[in-house]
Protein backbone atom coordinates (compact mmCIF):
# COMPACT_ATOMS: atom_id res chain seq x y z
CA GLU A 1 -62.76 5.40 -42.65
CA LEU A 2 -64.18 8.88 -42.98
CA VAL A 3 -66.11 8.65 -39.70
CA SER A 4 -63.08 7.23 -37.89
CA SER A 5 -60.90 10.03 -39.18
CA LEU A 6 -63.19 12.66 -37.64
CA ASP A 7 -62.31 11.43 -34.12
CA LEU A 8 -65.79 12.27 -32.84
CA LYS A 9 -66.84 11.49 -29.28
CA ALA A 10 -70.46 10.57 -28.69
CA THR A 11 -72.66 8.81 -26.18
CA THR A 12 -76.03 7.17 -26.69
CA ARG A 13 -78.82 6.14 -24.39
CA VAL A 14 -81.67 3.78 -25.26
CA THR A 15 -84.91 4.13 -23.32
CA LEU A 16 -88.25 2.40 -23.61
CA LYS A 17 -91.40 4.45 -23.30
CA PRO A 18 -94.42 2.92 -21.57
CA PRO A 19 -96.31 0.84 -22.26
CA ARG A 20 -93.71 -1.89 -22.47
CA TYR A 21 -94.86 -5.48 -22.52
CA ASP A 22 -92.68 -8.51 -21.87
CA PRO A 23 -92.77 -11.36 -24.37
CA PHE A 24 -95.22 -14.14 -23.61
CA LEU A 25 -95.72 -17.73 -24.65
CA VAL A 26 -98.99 -19.61 -24.42
CA SER A 27 -98.88 -23.35 -23.74
CA ARG A 28 -100.30 -25.59 -26.45
CA ASP A 29 -102.24 -27.25 -23.64
CA GLU A 30 -104.36 -24.12 -23.10
CA PRO A 31 -107.99 -24.72 -24.15
CA ILE A 32 -107.93 -21.80 -26.62
CA ILE A 33 -104.94 -23.32 -28.42
CA ARG A 34 -106.35 -26.85 -28.45
CA VAL A 35 -109.67 -25.66 -29.88
CA PHE A 36 -107.95 -23.45 -32.45
CA HIS A 37 -105.72 -26.36 -33.54
CA GLN A 38 -108.70 -28.69 -33.89
CA VAL A 39 -110.82 -26.23 -35.89
CA TYR A 40 -107.90 -25.15 -38.10
CA ARG A 41 -107.16 -28.76 -38.98
CA GLN A 42 -110.83 -29.55 -39.57
CA VAL A 43 -111.33 -26.57 -41.91
CA LEU A 44 -107.97 -26.49 -43.73
CA GLY A 45 -107.00 -30.15 -43.54
CA ARG A 46 -103.57 -29.52 -42.06
CA ASP A 47 -101.92 -28.49 -38.82
CA PRO A 48 -101.31 -24.78 -38.26
CA LEU A 49 -97.80 -23.39 -38.17
CA TYR A 50 -96.91 -21.84 -34.84
CA ALA A 51 -94.41 -19.02 -34.57
CA HIS A 52 -93.61 -16.08 -32.34
CA CYS A 53 -94.54 -12.53 -33.24
CA GLU A 54 -91.86 -9.86 -33.28
CA GLY A 55 -93.74 -6.81 -32.20
CA ILE A 56 -96.71 -5.81 -30.12
CA THR A 57 -100.36 -6.66 -30.63
CA ASP A 58 -103.51 -6.45 -28.56
CA ALA A 59 -102.60 -9.96 -27.38
CA ASN A 60 -99.84 -8.43 -25.23
CA VAL A 61 -102.42 -6.41 -23.31
CA PHE A 62 -104.44 -9.54 -22.51
CA ALA A 63 -101.39 -11.70 -21.76
CA VAL A 64 -100.06 -9.27 -19.15
CA LYS A 65 -103.40 -9.71 -17.34
CA GLY A 66 -102.97 -13.51 -17.39
CA ILE A 67 -105.50 -14.12 -20.16
CA PRO A 68 -104.28 -16.82 -22.58
CA CYS A 69 -104.63 -15.55 -26.12
CA LEU A 70 -103.73 -16.39 -29.68
CA HIS A 71 -102.47 -13.94 -32.27
CA LEU A 72 -103.46 -15.18 -35.72
CA GLY A 73 -101.92 -13.78 -38.86
CA PRO A 74 -99.46 -14.36 -41.66
CA VAL A 75 -96.00 -15.51 -40.69
CA ARG A 76 -93.67 -12.50 -40.52
CA GLY A 77 -96.50 -10.41 -41.89
């Protein structure tokens, strides 16, 4: 209520500074994913959990060049 009562006028602008990388998704049919899945299951005795990453990693740099890659880490970590 306080902010509304001030009757302030404002504008905002959101910009993205380079580098900016688009999201990417690697097919589970890619050799790197198939090998990872097989080794993970062999070592840990279970299938890995796959999820997307909210952020940027070195994988984005490779993906933009067309290189299939896997980002391995804790979920939401």
